[in-house]
Protein backbone atom coordinates (compact mmCIF):
# COMPACT_ATOMS: atom_id res chain seq x y z
CA UNK A 1 -4.22 -18.75 11.89
CA UNK A 2 -2.69 -21.84 9.99
CA UNK A 3 -0.93 -23.90 13.14
CA UNK A 4 0.43 -26.54 11.03
CA UNK A 5 2.57 -23.84 9.14
CA UNK A 6 4.55 -23.38 12.43
CA UNK A 7 5.72 -26.77 12.89
CA UNK A 8 8.17 -26.17 9.70
CA UNK A 9 11.69 -25.19 11.77
CA UNK A 10 12.71 -22.78 8.74
CA UNK A 11 9.48 -21.38 9.00
CA UNK A 12 9.63 -20.42 12.70
CA UNK A 13 13.37 -19.61 13.22
CA UNK A 14 12.83 -16.84 10.11
CA UNK A 15 9.88 -15.80 12.47
CA UNK A 16 12.18 -15.52 15.29
CA UNK A 17 15.07 -13.48 13.31
CA UNK A 18 12.49 -11.18 12.40
CA UNK A 19 11.89 -10.25 16.31
CA UNK A 20 15.26 -10.10 17.01
CA UNK A 21 15.67 -6.41 18.61
CA UNK A 22 18.41 -4.82 15.97
CA UNK A 23 18.28 -7.04 13.47
CA UNK A 24 16.32 -4.41 10.61
CA UNK A 25 15.25 -5.70 6.87
CA UNK A 26 18.64 -5.30 5.36
CA UNK A 27 20.97 -6.74 8.46
CA UNK A 28 18.47 -9.67 7.66
CA UNK A 29 19.33 -10.17 4.46
CA UNK A 30 22.75 -9.58 4.98
CA UNK A 31 22.64 -12.44 7.98
CA UNK A 32 20.57 -14.54 5.60
CA UNK A 33 23.37 -13.84 2.17
CA UNK A 34 26.03 -14.79 4.37
CA UNK A 35 24.19 -18.06 6.28
CA UNK A 36 22.16 -19.29 4.16
CA UNK A 37 18.95 -19.72 6.27
CA UNK A 38 17.62 -18.25 9.62
CA UNK A 39 18.46 -21.90 11.60
CA UNK A 40 21.70 -21.69 10.04
CA UNK A 41 21.70 -17.65 11.57
CA UNK A 42 21.32 -18.95 15.20
CA UNK A 43 23.77 -22.03 15.19
CA UNK A 44 26.56 -19.40 14.52
CA UNK A 45 28.88 -18.57 16.80
CA UNK A 46 29.36 -14.52 18.38
CA UNK A 47 32.73 -14.39 16.41
CA UNK A 48 31.20 -15.79 13.35
CA UNK A 49 28.15 -13.50 13.37
CA UNK A 50 30.62 -10.38 14.70
CA UNK A 51 31.93 -10.89 10.65
CA UNK A 52 29.09 -10.05 8.91
CA UNK A 53 28.90 -6.05 7.97
CA UNK A 54 27.10 -3.82 9.85
CA UNK A 55 26.39 -5.71 13.16
CA UNK A 56 27.67 -4.90 16.83
CA UNK A 57 28.25 -6.23 19.94
CA UNK A 58 24.62 -5.61 21.15
CA UNK A 59 22.92 -7.04 18.15
CA UNK A 60 25.10 -9.90 18.35
CA UNK A 61 24.38 -10.59 21.55
CA UNK A 62 20.49 -10.21 20.74
CA UNK A 63 20.56 -12.92 17.91
CA UNK A 64 23.20 -15.56 20.43
CA UNK A 65 20.52 -15.05 23.08
CA UNK A 66 17.12 -15.20 20.69
CA UNK A 67 16.31 -18.70 21.29
CA UNK A 68 15.53 -18.06 24.77
CA UNK A 69 14.98 -14.25 24.74
CA UNK A 70 12.33 -14.20 21.88
CA UNK A 71 9.45 -16.70 22.60
CA UNK A 72 7.92 -17.21 19.70
CA UNK A 73 5.30 -19.20 20.38
CA UNK A 74 3.93 -16.77 23.07
CA UNK A 75 3.69 -14.13 20.30
CA UNK A 76 1.75 -16.90 18.04
CA UNK A 77 -0.40 -17.70 21.07
CA UNK A 78 -0.85 -14.01 21.37
CA UNK A 79 -1.94 -13.41 17.38
CA UNK A 80 -4.55 -16.50 17.99
CA UNK A 81 -6.06 -14.27 20.60
CA UNK A 82 -6.83 -11.26 19.49
CA UNK A 83 -7.10 -12.56 16.18
CA UNK A 84 -4.15 -11.52 13.91
CA UNK A 85 -2.59 -12.78 10.95
CA UNK A 86 0.84 -13.34 10.04
CA UNK A 87 2.49 -13.56 6.74
CA UNK A 88 6.22 -13.74 6.56
CA UNK A 89 8.24 -12.50 3.31
CA UNK A 90 8.94 -16.71 2.36
CA UNK A 91 5.39 -17.19 1.94
CA UNK A 92 3.42 -17.30 -1.07
CA UNK A 93 0.87 -15.58 -0.16
CA UNK A 94 3.32 -11.90 0.99
CA UNK A 95 1.83 -9.12 -1.27
CA UNK A 96 3.48 -9.15 -4.19
CA UNK A 97 3.70 -5.59 -4.89
CA UNK A 98 5.98 -5.47 -1.35
CA UNK A 99 8.00 -8.35 -1.98
CA UNK A 100 9.80 -6.05 -4.52
CA UNK A 101 10.59 -2.99 -2.65
CA UNK A 102 14.51 -2.51 -1.01
CA UNK A 103 13.91 -3.45 2.42
CA UNK A 104 10.79 -5.15 2.38
CA UNK A 105 9.78 -6.58 5.83
CA UNK A 106 10.15 -9.84 6.83
CA UNK A 107 6.56 -10.42 8.95
CA UNK A 108 3.52 -8.32 8.28
CA UNK A 109 0.99 -9.10 11.38
CA UNK A 110 -2.71 -8.24 10.15
CA UNK A 111 -6.10 -7.59 10.90
CA UNK A 112 -8.99 -8.32 8.42
CA UNK A 113 -8.48 -10.51 5.28
CA UNK A 114 -6.20 -9.64 1.90
CA UNK A 115 -8.30 -9.80 -1.61
CA UNK A 116 -6.38 -9.78 -4.72
CA UNK A 117 -8.13 -6.18 -5.33
CA UNK A 118 -5.41 -4.91 -2.47
CA UNK A 119 -2.99 -5.17 -5.64
CA UNK A 120 -4.22 -2.27 -7.22
CA UNK A 121 -4.08 0.37 -4.84
CA UNK A 122 -3.44 3.99 -4.54
CA UNK A 123 -1.57 5.89 -1.15
CA UNK A 124 -3.18 8.60 -0.19
CA UNK A 125 -1.23 10.66 2.83
CA UNK A 126 -0.74 14.09 3.95
CA UNK A 127 -0.44 16.07 7.35
CA UNK A 128 -2.20 15.46 10.34
CA UNK A 129 -2.99 19.11 10.98
CA UNK A 130 -5.10 19.22 7.50
CA UNK A 131 -6.74 22.15 6.46
CA UNK A 132 -10.49 21.63 5.56
CA UNK A 133 -9.32 22.03 1.74
CA UNK A 134 -6.96 19.30 2.41
CA UNK A 135 -9.54 17.17 4.08
CA UNK A 136 -11.63 17.91 1.54
CA UNK A 137 -9.62 16.62 -1.55
CA UNK A 138 -8.60 13.73 0.32
CA UNK A 139 -11.98 12.54 0.70
CA UNK A 140 -12.66 13.31 -2.66
CA UNK A 141 -9.93 11.61 -4.50
CA UNK A 142 -10.49 8.49 -1.74
CA UNK A 143 -13.89 8.44 -2.62
CA UNK A 144 -13.55 8.55 -6.58
CA UNK A 145 -11.16 5.74 -6.42
CA UNK A 146 -13.03 3.36 -4.34
CA UNK A 147 -15.76 3.93 -6.65
CA UNK A 148 -13.52 2.48 -9.44
CA UNK A 149 -12.38 -0.32 -7.23
CA UNK A 150 -9.19 1.04 -6.56
CA UNK A 151 -8.12 0.50 -2.98
CA UNK A 152 -6.88 3.31 -0.63
CA UNK A 153 -3.69 2.74 1.37
CA UNK A 154 -2.69 5.34 4.24
CA UNK A 155 -1.39 5.64 7.51
CA UNK A 156 -4.43 5.93 9.77
CA UNK A 157 -2.96 8.98 11.24
CA UNK A 158 -4.52 12.37 11.86
CA UNK A 159 -5.68 14.28 9.46
CA UNK A 160 -5.26 13.27 5.47
CA UNK A 161 -4.91 9.80 6.54
CA UNK A 162 -8.22 9.42 8.49
CA UNK A 163 -10.56 11.23 6.17
CA UNK A 164 -8.69 8.73 3.01
CA UNK A 165 -9.55 6.03 4.92
CA UNK A 166 -13.00 6.82 6.03
CA UNK A 167 -14.15 8.23 2.61
CA UNK A 168 -13.28 4.75 1.15
CA UNK A 169 -15.08 3.31 3.47
CA UNK A 170 -17.92 5.05 3.24
CA UNK A 171 -18.18 4.24 -0.23
CA UNK A 172 -18.18 0.26 0.16
CA UNK A 173 -14.32 0.94 -0.57
CA UNK A 174 -11.32 -1.42 -0.02
CA UNK A 175 -9.06 0.53 1.90
CA UNK A 176 -5.39 -0.66 3.67
CA UNK A 177 -3.59 1.21 7.17
CA UNK A 178 -0.21 1.02 8.02
CA UNK A 179 0.19 1.38 11.67
CA UNK A 180 3.60 2.32 12.88
CA UNK A 181 3.02 0.23 16.07
CA UNK A 182 1.84 -2.82 17.06
CA UNK A 183 -1.61 -4.01 16.50
CA UNK A 184 -2.69 -4.36 20.21
CA UNK A 185 -1.00 -0.38 20.25
CA UNK A 186 -3.33 1.40 18.36
CA UNK A 187 -1.87 4.65 17.79
CA UNK A 188 -3.49 7.57 17.79
CA UNK A 189 -6.29 5.79 20.19
CA UNK A 190 -8.80 8.17 19.17
CA UNK A 191 -9.02 5.92 16.33
CA UNK A 192 -9.61 3.06 17.76
CA UNK A 193 -13.27 2.92 16.32
CA UNK A 194 -11.44 3.30 12.39
CA UNK A 195 -8.95 0.84 12.93
CA UNK A 196 -11.98 -2.10 14.12
CA UNK A 197 -13.90 -0.56 10.82
CA UNK A 198 -10.82 -1.05 8.60
CA UNK A 199 -10.18 -4.54 10.01
CA UNK A 200 -13.51 -5.71 9.83
CA UNK A 201 -13.64 -4.32 5.46
CA UNK A 202 -10.17 -3.99 4.50
CA UNK A 203 -6.62 -4.80 6.00
CA UNK A 204 -4.73 -2.90 9.05
CA UNK A 205 -0.75 -4.12 9.16
CA UNK A 206 2.26 -3.67 10.86
CA UNK A 207 5.91 -5.14 10.31
CA UNK A 208 5.88 -4.70 14.58
CA UNK A 209 4.94 -7.38 16.88
CA UNK A 210 1.42 -6.51 18.37
CA UNK A 211 2.53 -5.26 21.76
CA UNK A 212 5.45 -2.56 20.44
CA UNK A 213 4.67 0.68 21.36
CA UNK A 214 4.54 4.01 18.71
CA UNK A 215 7.67 5.44 18.62
CA UNK A 216 9.33 8.92 16.59
CA UNK A 217 11.51 5.68 14.83
CA UNK A 218 8.97 3.62 13.91
CA UNK A 219 6.47 5.75 11.77
CA UNK A 220 9.02 6.80 9.21
CA UNK A 221 10.48 2.90 8.80
CA UNK A 222 6.24 2.20 8.09
CA UNK A 223 6.22 4.69 5.30
CA UNK A 224 8.13 2.16 2.56
CA UNK A 225 5.08 -0.09 3.31
CA UNK A 226 2.59 2.17 2.53
CA UNK A 227 4.77 3.33 -1.07
CA UNK A 228 5.46 -0.15 -1.38
CA UNK A 229 1.63 -1.61 -1.20
CA UNK A 230 0.84 0.97 -4.28
CA UNK A 231 1.54 1.59 -7.78
CA UNK A 232 1.48 5.67 -6.96
CA UNK A 233 1.26 7.95 -4.00
CA UNK A 234 -0.88 10.98 -3.85
CA UNK A 235 0.55 13.76 -1.64
CA UNK A 236 -2.69 15.80 -1.10
CA UNK A 237 -1.24 18.21 1.87
CA UNK A 238 2.22 18.27 3.18
CA UNK A 239 4.74 20.57 4.53
CA UNK A 240 8.18 20.86 3.73
CA UNK A 241 9.07 18.80 6.85
CA UNK A 242 5.82 16.60 6.51
CA UNK A 243 6.62 12.58 6.83
CA UNK A 244 4.37 12.41 3.88
CA UNK A 245 7.32 13.56 1.72
CA UNK A 246 9.45 10.36 3.32
CA UNK A 247 6.37 8.44 1.98
CA UNK A 248 6.95 10.19 -1.70
CA UNK A 249 10.66 9.36 -1.07
CA UNK A 250 10.03 5.94 -0.59
CA UNK A 251 7.91 5.79 -3.69
CA UNK A 252 10.53 7.62 -5.88
CA UNK A 253 12.95 4.68 -4.66
CA UNK A 254 10.95 1.82 -5.59
CA UNK A 255 9.71 2.73 -8.83
CA UNK A 256 6.26 4.24 -8.15
CA UNK A 257 4.66 7.01 -9.70
CA UNK A 258 4.45 10.10 -7.38
CA UNK A 259 1.60 12.67 -7.54
CA UNK A 260 0.61 15.81 -5.47
CA UNK A 261 -1.96 18.52 -5.18
CA UNK A 262 -1.45 22.10 -5.16
CA UNK A 263 -2.56 24.51 -2.72
CA UNK A 264 -2.40 27.90 -1.63
CA UNK A 265 0.95 29.31 -1.97
CA UNK A 266 0.76 31.04 0.80
CA UNK A 267 -0.27 28.06 3.11
CA UNK A 268 2.78 26.52 4.55
CA UNK A 269 0.97 23.22 4.57
CA UNK A 270 1.45 22.81 1.10
CA UNK A 271 4.87 24.06 0.68
CA UNK A 272 5.66 20.08 0.44
CA UNK A 273 3.71 19.45 -1.96
CA UNK A 274 4.53 22.55 -4.32
CA UNK A 275 8.31 21.49 -3.77
CA UNK A 276 7.34 17.85 -5.13
CA UNK A 277 5.89 18.92 -8.36
CA UNK A 278 8.74 21.72 -8.75
CA UNK A 279 11.05 18.53 -8.50
CA UNK A 280 8.96 16.33 -10.99
CA UNK A 281 5.71 15.03 -9.05
CA UNK A 282 2.79 14.96 -11.23
CA UNK A 283 0.00 17.69 -10.94
CA UNK A 284 -3.53 15.98 -10.73
CA UNK A 285 -6.68 17.51 -10.16
CA UNK A 286 -9.06 15.05 -10.49
CA UNK A 287 -9.18 11.16 -9.50
CA UNK A 288 -9.22 10.44 -13.64
CA UNK A 289 -5.75 11.73 -14.17
CA UNK A 290 -4.22 9.31 -11.65
CA UNK A 291 -6.17 6.32 -13.07
CA UNK A 292 -4.26 7.69 -16.68
CA UNK A 293 -1.31 8.15 -15.47
CA UNK A 294 -0.93 4.42 -13.99
CA UNK A 295 -2.58 2.91 -17.43
CA UNK A 296 -4.53 -0.05 -17.32
CA UNK A 297 -4.26 -2.19 -14.14
CA UNK A 298 -5.45 -5.30 -13.50
CA UNK A 299 -8.81 -6.29 -13.56
CA UNK A 300 -9.72 -9.01 -10.65
CA UNK A 301 -12.56 -9.89 -8.70
CA UNK A 302 -13.56 -7.60 -5.82
CA UNK A 303 -14.65 -8.57 -2.01
CA UNK A 304 -18.32 -9.38 -3.26
CA UNK A 305 -17.49 -11.19 -6.03
CA UNK A 306 -18.31 -8.84 -8.40
CA UNK A 307 -16.00 -7.58 -11.03
CA UNK A 308 -13.39 -5.15 -9.43
CA UNK A 309 -14.44 -2.20 -11.36
CA UNK A 310 -18.01 -1.24 -10.32
CA UNK A 311 -20.40 -0.14 -13.72
CA UNK A 312 -20.71 3.65 -13.70
CA UNK A 313 -21.92 4.48 -16.67
CA UNK A 314 -24.25 7.17 -15.25
CA UNK A 315 -21.11 9.13 -13.76
CA UNK A 316 -19.08 9.09 -17.06
CA UNK A 317 -17.53 12.86 -18.26
CA UNK A 318 -18.10 13.84 -21.70
CA UNK A 319 -14.96 12.55 -22.94
CA UNK A 320 -15.68 9.09 -21.54
CA UNK A 321 -19.14 8.91 -22.68
CA UNK A 322 -18.20 9.79 -26.61
CA UNK A 323 -15.35 7.04 -26.33
CA UNK A 324 -18.10 5.19 -25.06
CA UNK A 325 -20.70 5.73 -27.85
CA UNK A 326 -18.30 4.66 -30.12
CA UNK A 327 -17.82 1.04 -29.27
CA UNK A 328 -20.53 -1.58 -30.45
CA UNK A 329 -21.34 -4.94 -29.24
CA UNK A 330 -19.04 -6.10 -32.18
CA UNK A 331 -15.47 -5.84 -31.96
CA UNK A 332 -14.39 -2.32 -32.67
CA UNK A 333 -10.83 -1.39 -34.26
CA UNK A 334 -8.98 1.35 -31.68
CA UNK A 335 -8.04 3.25 -34.73
CA UNK A 336 -11.32 3.44 -35.58
CA UNK A 337 -12.68 4.34 -31.98
CA UNK A 338 -10.01 7.07 -32.55
CA UNK A 339 -11.31 8.58 -35.51
CA UNK A 340 -14.53 8.48 -34.70
CA UNK A 341 -14.21 10.19 -31.33
CA UNK A 342 -12.37 13.16 -32.93
CA UNK A 343 -10.26 13.28 -30.04
CA UNK A 344 -6.05 13.27 -29.83
CA UNK A 345 -5.15 8.67 -30.05
CA UNK A 346 -3.01 9.34 -26.33
CA UNK A 347 -6.30 10.37 -24.77
CA UNK A 348 -8.57 8.00 -26.27
CA UNK A 349 -6.21 5.02 -25.00
CA UNK A 350 -6.31 6.38 -21.84
CA UNK A 351 -10.18 7.32 -21.43
CA UNK A 352 -10.05 2.78 -22.91
CA UNK A 353 -8.22 2.19 -20.02
CA UNK A 354 -10.64 3.64 -17.70
CA UNK A 355 -13.26 2.37 -19.26
CA UNK A 356 -11.86 -1.49 -18.97
CA UNK A 357 -11.19 -0.52 -15.17
CA UNK A 358 -14.65 0.24 -15.29
CA UNK A 359 -15.68 -3.28 -16.74
CA UNK A 360 -17.58 -1.06 -19.69
CA UNK A 361 -15.53 -2.53 -22.58
CA UNK A 362 -13.34 -5.38 -23.34
CA UNK A 363 -9.70 -5.52 -25.44
CA UNK A 364 -10.12 -7.99 -27.52
CA UNK A 365 -7.04 -9.12 -29.61
CA UNK A 366 -4.97 -6.69 -28.74
CA UNK A 367 -6.28 -3.53 -31.35
CA UNK A 368 -10.18 -4.59 -30.95
CA UNK A 369 -12.23 -3.24 -27.97
CA UNK A 370 -16.13 -4.38 -27.39
CA UNK A 371 -18.86 -3.36 -25.36
CA UNK A 372 -19.79 -4.86 -22.11
């Protein structure tokens, strides 16, 4: 933790404002819009605070007493003791995609290390009471995405979430777990080992202070962060009232892609997936379809300094191999690739995106590609 940054009054007071009970992201944004900055918020009289839309007497009292009731130095010391990092919404290293969403969290507490490759992420979510079929699909998709350098985001819950995290870790992939509790109140408790593995090789993150216990209201809130960190959300298995559908709704509001896997029509734990598909979610059967839906994604270095998309020439599909074989060491026009492959242009363009992501081809001057 960079102690020097915590000498800045504006930063300290913004952090304090994030910790005031009753001040959520929407109300915090209103307070800052009215009064300009966090130090100014704490200088206001109770009468001035009460004029802000949506603020009640309890929250006014909490803000008025925050300078004595919210001990940020104690919180900072606790984080330092337990190796917990803090990033504020006002910091440059705050996750870029998360900054775009409505009601973005003002503070993130985390264990682990953020990498640039984490910007290319897919959320995999689903029911806690997963069937063996659902767990297999979560593992299959997470492992395949990890092989392609895509970070897997989920909520570290029982069932689908845990299966996705573990499959990504098993393939040496990046994974992010978003908790509905503080980082010192791991839930579910039997996932303590999984928590430590993710913190060691990915990131565990929460918008809640480290000692915050899990509550029924915190899990729906955290779901907006799962979708907000991701390019798209894949719902693997979900009943009609599943929390995974909350994540899907957040994804729609955040202009993220929503995808779902179909299941047996007589199994209630897939009724939510089928509802999403009826409402326009993308039906996916293979990880390659996800890559095609998302199109070309940023190419960055991974956590070992290698090219983000791991060469996987031995695992190419017949279609990918056919397109790759039309490209030589000299720049080849995309139109030539389309003609030589005999495939429809949209399919060739999607396949080129997959090959580029795997670091097997490189685009040159827009309309040309070259084999790496």
